[in-house]
Amino acid sequence: MAIDAATVRKVARLARIAEPEERIETLAQELSGILDWIEQLNEVDVEGVEPMTSAVAATLPMRDDVVTDGGDPDRVLSNAPKRVGDFFVVPKVVE
C-alpha cells in the first residue's frame, strides 16, 4: 500500500503533528514501507493458532471482591491540588 505526501499531510494535521515540508516525502516512503511489512503478515498461516495475550502462560492471583469504605479520605486527598469535602476538584473538560 502506497502512501502519498497528501495523505501524510492530512494525517499529520489530524494528529496535530507539525512536520517540516522537506520531511513529508521521507515520511510517506517510511510509512509505505511499514504498511508493506504489515501486509506480509496476511500471508502467515495462523490456522489452529489460539489467540494469546502473553508469550508466557501465567495466571494472575485473584482476590475477594469486597466492598470497603475507601479507607482514609484525608490521606487519599492529602496531595490533591484542590478538594471540596472528600472529593477531588478537577477542571471542566466537556462543555
PDB file of N, CA and C in Angstrom:
ATOM      1  N   MET A   1       0.852  -1.176   0.000  1.00  0.00           N
ATOM      2  CA  MET A   1       0.000   0.000   0.000  1.00  0.00           C
ATOM      3  C   MET A   1       0.893   1.232   0.000  1.00  0.00           C
ATOM      4  N   ALA A   2       0.681   2.096  -0.946  1.00  0.00           N
ATOM      5  CA  ALA A   2       1.495   3.298  -1.056  1.00  0.00           C
ATOM      6  C   ALA A   2       0.784   4.479  -0.413  1.00  0.00           C
ATOM      7  N   ILE A   3       1.542   5.220   0.366  1.00  0.00           N
ATOM      8  CA  ILE A   3       1.027   6.441   0.990  1.00  0.00           C
ATOM      9  C   ILE A   3       1.696   7.614   0.301  1.00  0.00           C
ATOM     10  N   ASP A   4       0.887   8.570  -0.126  1.00  0.00           N
ATOM     11  CA  ASP A   4       1.451   9.738  -0.797  1.00  0.00           C
ATOM     12  C   ASP A   4       1.623  10.894   0.185  1.00  0.00           C
ATOM     13  N   ALA A   5       2.258  11.965  -0.291  1.00  0.00           N
ATOM     14  CA  ALA A   5       2.551  13.130   0.545  1.00  0.00           C
ATOM     15  C   ALA A   5       1.271  13.794   1.047  1.00  0.00           C
ATOM     16  N   ALA A   6       0.216  13.793   0.236  1.00  0.00           N
ATOM     17  CA  ALA A   6      -1.045  14.417   0.658  1.00  0.00           C
ATOM     18  C   ALA A   6      -1.637  13.681   1.859  1.00  0.00           C
ATOM     19  N   THR A   7      -1.541  12.354   1.856  1.00  0.00           N
ATOM     20  CA  THR A   7      -2.053  11.571   2.977  1.00  0.00           C
ATOM     21  C   THR A   7      -1.243  11.842   4.245  1.00  0.00           C
ATOM     22  N   VAL A   8       0.077  11.952   4.104  1.00  0.00           N
ATOM     23  CA  VAL A   8       0.923  12.254   5.253  1.00  0.00           C
ATOM     24  C   VAL A   8       0.559  13.623   5.824  1.00  0.00           C
ATOM     25  N   ARG A   9       0.357  14.610   4.959  1.00  0.00           N
ATOM     26  CA  ARG A   9      -0.036  15.948   5.431  1.00  0.00           C
ATOM     27  C   ARG A   9      -1.368  15.891   6.182  1.00  0.00           C
ATOM     28  N   LYS A  10      -2.325  15.135   5.640  1.00  0.00           N
ATOM     29  CA  LYS A  10      -3.642  15.043   6.261  1.00  0.00           C
ATOM     30  C   LYS A  10      -3.560  14.368   7.631  1.00  0.00           C
ATOM     31  N   VAL A  11      -2.834  13.257   7.701  1.00  0.00           N
ATOM     32  CA  VAL A  11      -2.699  12.545   8.974  1.00  0.00           C
ATOM     33  C   VAL A  11      -1.957  13.409   9.989  1.00  0.00           C
ATOM     34  N   ALA A  12      -0.916  14.092   9.560  1.00  0.00           N
ATOM     35  CA  ALA A  12      -0.172  14.974  10.467  1.00  0.00           C
ATOM     36  C   ALA A  12      -1.063  16.095  10.983  1.00  0.00           C
ATOM     37  N   ARG A  13      -1.906  16.642  10.126  1.00  0.00           N
ATOM     38  CA  ARG A  13      -2.820  17.717  10.551  1.00  0.00           C
ATOM     39  C   ARG A  13      -3.839  17.173  11.544  1.00  0.00           C
ATOM     40  N   LEU A  14      -4.408  15.993  11.265  1.00  0.00           N
ATOM     41  CA  LEU A  14      -5.391  15.399  12.167  1.00  0.00           C
ATOM     42  C   LEU A  14      -4.767  15.052  13.522  1.00  0.00           C
ATOM     43  N   ALA A  15      -3.503  14.617  13.505  1.00  0.00           N
ATOM     44  CA  ALA A  15      -2.816  14.264  14.743  1.00  0.00           C
ATOM     45  C   ALA A  15      -2.181  15.480  15.399  1.00  0.00           C
ATOM     46  N   ARG A  16      -2.319  16.627  14.756  1.00  0.00           N
ATOM     47  CA  ARG A  16      -1.739  17.878  15.239  1.00  0.00           C
ATOM     48  C   ARG A  16      -0.223  17.745  15.447  1.00  0.00           C
ATOM     49  N   ILE A  17       0.423  17.151  14.435  1.00  0.00           N
ATOM     50  CA  ILE A  17       1.870  16.997  14.431  1.00  0.00           C
ATOM     51  C   ILE A  17       2.419  17.938  13.371  1.00  0.00           C
ATOM     52  N   ALA A  18       3.300  18.820  13.778  1.00  0.00           N
ATOM     53  CA  ALA A  18       3.909  19.762  12.834  1.00  0.00           C
ATOM     54  C   ALA A  18       5.140  19.102  12.218  1.00  0.00           C
ATOM     55  N   GLU A  19       5.071  18.835  10.936  1.00  0.00           N
ATOM     56  CA  GLU A  19       6.198  18.246  10.218  1.00  0.00           C
ATOM     57  C   GLU A  19       6.675  19.236   9.159  1.00  0.00           C
ATOM     58  N   PRO A  20       7.988  19.450   9.077  1.00  0.00           N
ATOM     59  CA  PRO A  20       8.505  20.336   8.025  1.00  0.00           C
ATOM     60  C   PRO A  20       8.231  19.754   6.644  1.00  0.00           C
ATOM     61  N   GLU A  21       8.022  20.605   5.696  1.00  0.00           N
ATOM     62  CA  GLU A  21       7.665  20.181   4.333  1.00  0.00           C
ATOM     63  C   GLU A  21       8.727  19.259   3.729  1.00  0.00           C
ATOM     64  N   GLU A  22      10.001  19.484   4.031  1.00  0.00           N
ATOM     65  CA  GLU A  22      11.061  18.651   3.445  1.00  0.00           C
ATOM     66  C   GLU A  22      11.064  17.229   4.022  1.00  0.00           C
ATOM     67  N   ARG A  23      10.366  17.004   5.105  1.00  0.00           N
ATOM     68  CA  ARG A  23      10.313  15.676   5.730  1.00  0.00           C
ATOM     69  C   ARG A  23       9.101  14.860   5.259  1.00  0.00           C
ATOM     70  N   ILE A  24       8.144  15.490   4.597  1.00  0.00           N
ATOM     71  CA  ILE A  24       6.892  14.823   4.205  1.00  0.00           C
ATOM     72  C   ILE A  24       7.135  13.642   3.272  1.00  0.00           C
ATOM     73  N   GLU A  25       7.938  13.825   2.261  1.00  0.00           N
ATOM     74  CA  GLU A  25       8.170  12.750   1.291  1.00  0.00           C
ATOM     75  C   GLU A  25       8.876  11.563   1.934  1.00  0.00           C
ATOM     76  N   THR A  26       9.845  11.841   2.814  1.00  0.00           N
ATOM     77  CA  THR A  26      10.544  10.765   3.518  1.00  0.00           C
ATOM     78  C   THR A  26       9.575   9.991   4.408  1.00  0.00           C
ATOM     79  N   LEU A  27       8.703  10.716   5.095  1.00  0.00           N
ATOM     80  CA  LEU A  27       7.702  10.051   5.937  1.00  0.00           C
ATOM     81  C   LEU A  27       6.769   9.179   5.105  1.00  0.00           C
ATOM     82  N   ALA A  28       6.379   9.664   3.938  1.00  0.00           N
ATOM     83  CA  ALA A  28       5.497   8.889   3.067  1.00  0.00           C
ATOM     84  C   ALA A  28       6.162   7.565   2.685  1.00  0.00           C
ATOM     85  N   GLN A  29       7.437   7.603   2.360  1.00  0.00           N
ATOM     86  CA  GLN A  29       8.156   6.382   1.994  1.00  0.00           C
ATOM     87  C   GLN A  29       8.286   5.436   3.188  1.00  0.00           C
ATOM     88  N   GLU A  30       8.601   6.000   4.363  1.00  0.00           N
ATOM     89  CA  GLU A  30       8.745   5.168   5.557  1.00  0.00           C
ATOM     90  C   GLU A  30       7.419   4.507   5.929  1.00  0.00           C
ATOM     91  N   LEU A  31       6.341   5.265   5.906  1.00  0.00           N
ATOM     92  CA  LEU A  31       5.029   4.706   6.249  1.00  0.00           C
ATOM     93  C   LEU A  31       4.586   3.661   5.236  1.00  0.00           C
ATOM     94  N   SER A  32       4.879   3.887   3.963  1.00  0.00           N
ATOM     95  CA  SER A  32       4.549   2.894   2.939  1.00  0.00           C
ATOM     96  C   SER A  32       5.309   1.600   3.190  1.00  0.00           C
ATOM     97  N   GLY A  33       6.574   1.700   3.580  1.00  0.00           N
ATOM     98  CA  GLY A  33       7.367   0.514   3.898  1.00  0.00           C
ATOM     99  C   GLY A  33       6.807  -0.240   5.085  1.00  0.00           C
ATOM    100  N   ILE A  34       6.368   0.493   6.104  1.00  0.00           N
ATOM    101  CA  ILE A  34       5.786  -0.146   7.289  1.00  0.00           C
ATOM    102  C   ILE A  34       4.505  -0.883   6.912  1.00  0.00           C
ATOM    103  N   LEU A  35       3.644  -0.242   6.124  1.00  0.00           N
ATOM    104  CA  LEU A  35       2.396  -0.884   5.721  1.00  0.00           C
ATOM    105  C   LEU A  35       2.647  -2.093   4.823  1.00  0.00           C
ATOM    106  N   ASP A  36       3.680  -2.029   3.975  1.00  0.00           N
ATOM    107  CA  ASP A  36       4.035  -3.195   3.147  1.00  0.00           C
ATOM    108  C   ASP A  36       4.448  -4.364   4.034  1.00  0.00           C
ATOM    109  N   TRP A  37       5.222  -4.083   5.081  1.00  0.00           N
ATOM    110  CA  TRP A  37       5.644  -5.131   6.001  1.00  0.00           C
ATOM    111  C   TRP A  37       4.434  -5.726   6.728  1.00  0.00           C
ATOM    112  N   ILE A  38       3.505  -4.878   7.140  1.00  0.00           N
ATOM    113  CA  ILE A  38       2.304  -5.354   7.818  1.00  0.00           C
ATOM    114  C   ILE A  38       1.470  -6.227   6.880  1.00  0.00           C
ATOM    115  N   GLU A  39       1.390  -5.861   5.604  1.00  0.00           N
ATOM    116  CA  GLU A  39       0.633  -6.664   4.647  1.00  0.00           C
ATOM    117  C   GLU A  39       1.239  -8.052   4.481  1.00  0.00           C
ATOM    118  N   GLN A  40       2.546  -8.188   4.692  1.00  0.00           N
ATOM    119  CA  GLN A  40       3.186  -9.503   4.610  1.00  0.00           C
ATOM    120  C   GLN A  40       2.657 -10.439   5.692  1.00  0.00           C
ATOM    121  N   LEU A  41       2.211  -9.865   6.803  1.00  0.00           N
ATOM    122  CA  LEU A  41       1.680 -10.701   7.877  1.00  0.00           C
ATOM    123  C   LEU A  41       0.408 -11.422   7.461  1.00  0.00           C
ATOM    124  N   ASN A  42      -0.304 -10.915   6.452  1.00  0.00           N
ATOM    125  CA  ASN A  42      -1.505 -11.589   5.963  1.00  0.00           C
ATOM    126  C   ASN A  42      -1.178 -12.930   5.318  1.00  0.00           C
ATOM    127  N   GLU A  43       0.074 -13.135   4.924  1.00  0.00           N
ATOM    128  CA  GLU A  43       0.481 -14.375   4.273  1.00  0.00           C
ATOM    129  C   GLU A  43       0.785 -15.487   5.277  1.00  0.00           C
ATOM    130  N   VAL A  44       0.876 -15.155   6.551  1.00  0.00           N
ATOM    131  CA  VAL A  44       1.212 -16.146   7.572  1.00  0.00           C
ATOM    132  C   VAL A  44      -0.009 -17.022   7.845  1.00  0.00           C
ATOM    133  N   ASP A  45       0.216 -18.336   7.870  1.00  0.00           N
ATOM    134  CA  ASP A  45      -0.858 -19.279   8.150  1.00  0.00           C
ATOM    135  C   ASP A  45      -1.059 -19.357   9.665  1.00  0.00           C
ATOM    136  N   VAL A  46      -2.205 -18.890  10.146  1.00  0.00           N
ATOM    137  CA  VAL A  46      -2.495 -18.898  11.580  1.00  0.00           C
ATOM    138  C   VAL A  46      -3.631 -19.862  11.902  1.00  0.00           C
ATOM    139  N   GLU A  47      -3.919 -20.760  10.987  1.00  0.00           N
ATOM    140  CA  GLU A  47      -4.983 -21.737  11.198  1.00  0.00           C
ATOM    141  C   GLU A  47      -4.643 -22.612  12.397  1.00  0.00           C
ATOM    142  N   GLY A  48      -5.556 -22.683  13.354  1.00  0.00           N
ATOM    143  CA  GLY A  48      -5.367 -23.515  14.531  1.00  0.00           C
ATOM    144  C   GLY A  48      -4.525 -22.880  15.626  1.00  0.00           C
ATOM    145  N   VAL A  49      -4.091 -21.661  15.444  1.00  0.00           N
ATOM    146  CA  VAL A  49      -3.294 -20.985  16.473  1.00  0.00           C
ATOM    147  C   VAL A  49      -4.246 -20.261  17.415  1.00  0.00           C
ATOM    148  N   GLU A  50      -4.150 -20.572  18.697  1.00  0.00           N
ATOM    149  CA  GLU A  50      -5.014 -19.949  19.691  1.00  0.00           C
ATOM    150  C   GLU A  50      -4.564 -18.507  19.955  1.00  0.00           C
ATOM    151  N   PRO A  51      -5.503 -17.592  20.090  1.00  0.00           N
ATOM    152  CA  PRO A  51      -5.130 -16.223  20.464  1.00  0.00           C
ATOM    153  C   PRO A  51      -4.487 -16.208  21.846  1.00  0.00           C
ATOM    154  N   MET A  52      -3.534 -15.306  22.031  1.00  0.00           N
ATOM    155  CA  MET A  52      -2.873 -15.248  23.326  1.00  0.00           C
ATOM    156  C   MET A  52      -2.599 -13.806  23.716  1.00  0.00           C
ATOM    157  N   THR A  53      -2.508 -13.577  25.006  1.00  0.00           N
ATOM    158  CA  THR A  53      -2.229 -12.231  25.498  1.00  0.00           C
ATOM    159  C   THR A  53      -0.795 -12.093  25.956  1.00  0.00           C
ATOM    160  N   SER A  54      -0.086 -13.195  26.060  1.00  0.00           N
ATOM    161  CA  SER A  54       1.302 -13.169  26.515  1.00  0.00           C
ATOM    162  C   SER A  54       2.025 -14.375  25.934  1.00  0.00           C
ATOM    163  N   ALA A  55       3.328 -14.271  25.837  1.00  0.00           N
ATOM    164  CA  ALA A  55       4.127 -15.400  25.349  1.00  0.00           C
ATOM    165  C   ALA A  55       4.333 -16.443  26.426  1.00  0.00           C
ATOM    166  N   VAL A  56       4.027 -16.084  27.671  1.00  0.00           N
ATOM    167  CA  VAL A  56       4.202 -16.990  28.795  1.00  0.00           C
ATOM    168  C   VAL A  56       2.830 -17.291  29.395  1.00  0.00           C
ATOM    169  N   ALA A  57       2.525 -18.551  29.573  1.00  0.00           N
ATOM    170  CA  ALA A  57       1.253 -18.928  30.190  1.00  0.00           C
ATOM    171  C   ALA A  57       1.333 -18.673  31.686  1.00  0.00           C
ATOM    172  N   ALA A  58       0.524 -17.765  32.162  1.00  0.00           N
ATOM    173  CA  ALA A  58       0.531 -17.439  33.589  1.00  0.00           C
ATOM    174  C   ALA A  58      -0.883 -17.071  34.016  1.00  0.00           C
ATOM    175  N   THR A  59      -1.194 -17.383  35.257  1.00  0.00           N
ATOM    176  CA  THR A  59      -2.480 -16.983  35.800  1.00  0.00           C
ATOM    177  C   THR A  59      -2.239 -15.961  36.892  1.00  0.00           C
ATOM    178  N   LEU A  60      -3.103 -14.993  36.963  1.00  0.00           N
ATOM    179  CA  LEU A  60      -2.982 -13.968  37.981  1.00  0.00           C
ATOM    180  C   LEU A  60      -3.702 -14.395  39.245  1.00  0.00           C
ATOM    181  N   PRO A  61      -3.123 -14.064  40.386  1.00  0.00           N
ATOM    182  CA  PRO A  61      -3.826 -14.396  41.627  1.00  0.00           C
ATOM    183  C   PRO A  61      -5.094 -13.559  41.758  1.00  0.00           C
ATOM    184  N   MET A  62      -6.151 -14.166  42.245  1.00  0.00           N
ATOM    185  CA  MET A  62      -7.414 -13.467  42.414  1.00  0.00           C
ATOM    186  C   MET A  62      -7.590 -13.086  43.873  1.00  0.00           C
ATOM    187  N   ARG A  63      -8.296 -11.989  44.106  1.00  0.00           N
ATOM    188  CA  ARG A  63      -8.602 -11.586  45.465  1.00  0.00           C
ATOM    189  C   ARG A  63     -10.115 -11.506  45.610  1.00  0.00           C
ATOM    190  N   ASP A  64     -10.583 -11.539  46.824  1.00  0.00           N
ATOM    191  CA  ASP A  64     -12.005 -11.428  47.075  1.00  0.00           C
ATOM    192  C   ASP A  64     -12.486 -10.035  46.697  1.00  0.00           C
ATOM    193  N   ASP A  65     -13.645  -9.963  46.081  1.00  0.00           N
ATOM    194  CA  ASP A  65     -14.243  -8.689  45.708  1.00  0.00           C
ATOM    195  C   ASP A  65     -15.062  -8.193  46.901  1.00  0.00           C
ATOM    196  N   VAL A  66     -14.440  -7.349  47.700  1.00  0.00           N
ATOM    197  CA  VAL A  66     -15.048  -6.897  48.938  1.00  0.00           C
ATOM    198  C   VAL A  66     -15.277  -5.392  48.864  1.00  0.00           C
ATOM    199  N   VAL A  67     -16.465  -4.957  49.209  1.00  0.00           N
ATOM    200  CA  VAL A  67     -16.783  -3.532  49.232  1.00  0.00           C
ATOM    201  C   VAL A  67     -16.213  -2.936  50.511  1.00  0.00           C
ATOM    202  N   THR A  68     -15.459  -1.831  50.367  1.00  0.00           N
ATOM    203  CA  THR A  68     -14.899  -1.150  51.533  1.00  0.00           C
ATOM    204  C   THR A  68     -15.346   0.303  51.520  1.00  0.00           C
ATOM    205  N   ASP A  69     -15.036   1.007  52.578  1.00  0.00           N
ATOM    206  CA  ASP A  69     -15.402   2.420  52.652  1.00  0.00           C
ATOM    207  C   ASP A  69     -14.377   3.319  51.971  1.00  0.00           C
ATOM    208  N   GLY A  70     -13.351   2.749  51.368  1.00  0.00           N
ATOM    209  CA  GLY A  70     -12.352   3.533  50.647  1.00  0.00           C
ATOM    210  C   GLY A  70     -11.177   3.934  51.501  1.00  0.00           C
ATOM    211  N   GLY A  71     -11.165   3.549  52.721  1.00  0.00           N
ATOM    212  CA  GLY A  71     -10.019   3.874  53.552  1.00  0.00           C
ATOM    213  C   GLY A  71     -10.132   5.244  54.192  1.00  0.00           C
ATOM    214  N   ASP A  72      -9.042   5.946  54.201  1.00  0.00           N
ATOM    215  CA  ASP A  72      -8.946   7.236  54.874  1.00  0.00           C
ATOM    216  C   ASP A  72      -8.960   8.360  53.833  1.00  0.00           C
ATOM    217  N   PRO A  73     -10.090   9.082  53.655  1.00  0.00           N
ATOM    218  CA  PRO A  73     -10.145  10.121  52.623  1.00  0.00           C
ATOM    219  C   PRO A  73      -9.149  11.253  52.852  1.00  0.00           C
ATOM    220  N   ASP A  74      -8.846  11.572  54.085  1.00  0.00           N
ATOM    221  CA  ASP A  74      -7.869  12.639  54.326  1.00  0.00           C
ATOM    222  C   ASP A  74      -6.484  12.239  53.810  1.00  0.00           C
ATOM    223  N   ARG A  75      -6.128  10.988  53.988  1.00  0.00           N
ATOM    224  CA  ARG A  75      -4.830  10.522  53.497  1.00  0.00           C
ATOM    225  C   ARG A  75      -4.831  10.440  51.964  1.00  0.00           C
ATOM    226  N   VAL A  76      -5.938   9.961  51.404  1.00  0.00           N
ATOM    227  CA  VAL A  76      -6.036   9.833  49.945  1.00  0.00           C
ATOM    228  C   VAL A  76      -5.971  11.208  49.281  1.00  0.00           C
ATOM    229  N   LEU A  77      -6.628  12.183  49.858  1.00  0.00           N
ATOM    230  CA  LEU A  77      -6.703  13.521  49.261  1.00  0.00           C
ATOM    231  C   LEU A  77      -5.608  14.462  49.749  1.00  0.00           C
ATOM    232  N   SER A  78      -4.645  13.971  50.499  1.00  0.00           N
ATOM    233  CA  SER A  78      -3.618  14.854  51.060  1.00  0.00           C
ATOM    234  C   SER A  78      -2.771  15.539  49.994  1.00  0.00           C
ATOM    235  N   ASN A  79      -2.581  14.934  48.834  1.00  0.00           N
ATOM    236  CA  ASN A  79      -1.784  15.536  47.757  1.00  0.00           C
ATOM    237  C   ASN A  79      -2.638  16.170  46.670  1.00  0.00           C
ATOM    238  N   ALA A  80      -3.938  16.204  46.856  1.00  0.00           N
ATOM    239  CA  ALA A  80      -4.819  16.783  45.834  1.00  0.00           C
ATOM    240  C   ALA A  80      -4.562  18.283  45.746  1.00  0.00           C
ATOM    241  N   PRO A  81      -4.409  18.819  44.533  1.00  0.00           N
ATOM    242  CA  PRO A  81      -4.201  20.261  44.402  1.00  0.00           C
ATOM    243  C   PRO A  81      -5.406  21.063  44.878  1.00  0.00           C
ATOM    244  N   LYS A  82      -6.609  20.499  44.715  1.00  0.00           N
ATOM    245  CA  LYS A  82      -7.816  21.184  45.148  1.00  0.00           C
ATOM    246  C   LYS A  82      -8.845  20.134  45.519  1.00  0.00           C
ATOM    247  N   ARG A  83      -9.557  20.377  46.613  1.00  0.00           N
ATOM    248  CA  ARG A  83     -10.580  19.436  47.042  1.00  0.00           C
ATOM    249  C   ARG A  83     -11.738  20.187  47.667  1.00  0.00           C
ATOM    250  N   VAL A  84     -12.900  19.543  47.601  1.00  0.00           N
ATOM    251  CA  VAL A  84     -14.093  20.037  48.283  1.00  0.00           C
ATOM    252  C   VAL A  84     -14.636  18.862  49.075  1.00  0.00           C
ATOM    253  N   GLY A  85     -14.570  18.975  50.384  1.00  0.00           N
ATOM    254  CA  GLY A  85     -15.001  17.864  51.225  1.00  0.00           C
ATOM    255  C   GLY A  85     -14.112  16.663  50.990  1.00  0.00           C
ATOM    256  N   ASP A  86     -14.709  15.535  50.661  1.00  0.00           N
ATOM    257  CA  ASP A  86     -13.953  14.317  50.396  1.00  0.00           C
ATOM    258  C   ASP A  86     -13.833  14.022  48.907  1.00  0.00           C
ATOM    259  N   PHE A  87     -13.823  15.072  48.066  1.00  0.00           N
ATOM    260  CA  PHE A  87     -13.796  14.894  46.613  1.00  0.00           C
ATOM    261  C   PHE A  87     -12.673  15.702  45.983  1.00  0.00           C
ATOM    262  N   PHE A  88     -12.090  15.155  44.900  1.00  0.00           N
ATOM    263  CA  PHE A  88     -11.135  15.898  44.081  1.00  0.00           C
ATOM    264  C   PHE A  88     -11.891  16.954  43.297  1.00  0.00           C
ATOM    265  N   VAL A  89     -11.286  18.107  43.067  1.00  0.00           N
ATOM    266  CA  VAL A  89     -11.830  19.127  42.181  1.00  0.00           C
ATOM    267  C   VAL A  89     -10.929  19.182  40.966  1.00  0.00           C
ATOM    268  N   VAL A  90     -11.522  18.989  39.787  1.00  0.00           N
ATOM    269  CA  VAL A  90     -10.758  18.983  38.542  1.00  0.00           C
ATOM    270  C   VAL A  90     -11.361  20.003  37.589  1.00  0.00           C
ATOM    271  N   PRO A  91     -10.553  20.506  36.632  1.00  0.00           N
ATOM    272  CA  PRO A  91     -11.095  21.458  35.663  1.00  0.00           C
ATOM    273  C   PRO A  91     -12.144  20.821  34.765  1.00  0.00           C
ATOM    274  N   LYS A  92     -13.104  21.606  34.368  1.00  0.00           N
ATOM    275  CA  LYS A  92     -14.142  21.136  33.458  1.00  0.00           C
ATOM    276  C   LYS A  92     -13.525  20.928  32.082  1.00  0.00           C
ATOM    277  N   VAL A  93     -13.739  19.757  31.472  1.00  0.00           N
ATOM    278  CA  VAL A  93     -13.154  19.472  30.162  1.00  0.00           C
ATOM    279  C   VAL A  93     -14.217  19.280  29.082  1.00  0.00           C
ATOM    280  N   VAL A  94     -15.464  19.162  29.461  1.00  0.00           N
ATOM    281  CA  VAL A  94     -16.542  18.984  28.494  1.00  0.00           C
ATOM    282  C   VAL A  94     -17.500  20.153  28.620  1.00  0.00           C
ATOM    283  N   GLU A  95     -17.788  20.771  27.492  1.00  0.00           N
ATOM    284  CA  GLU A  95     -18.733  21.897  27.514  1.00  0.00           C
ATOM    285  C   GLU A  95     -20.152  21.408  27.513  1.00  0.00           C
TER     286      GLU A  95
END
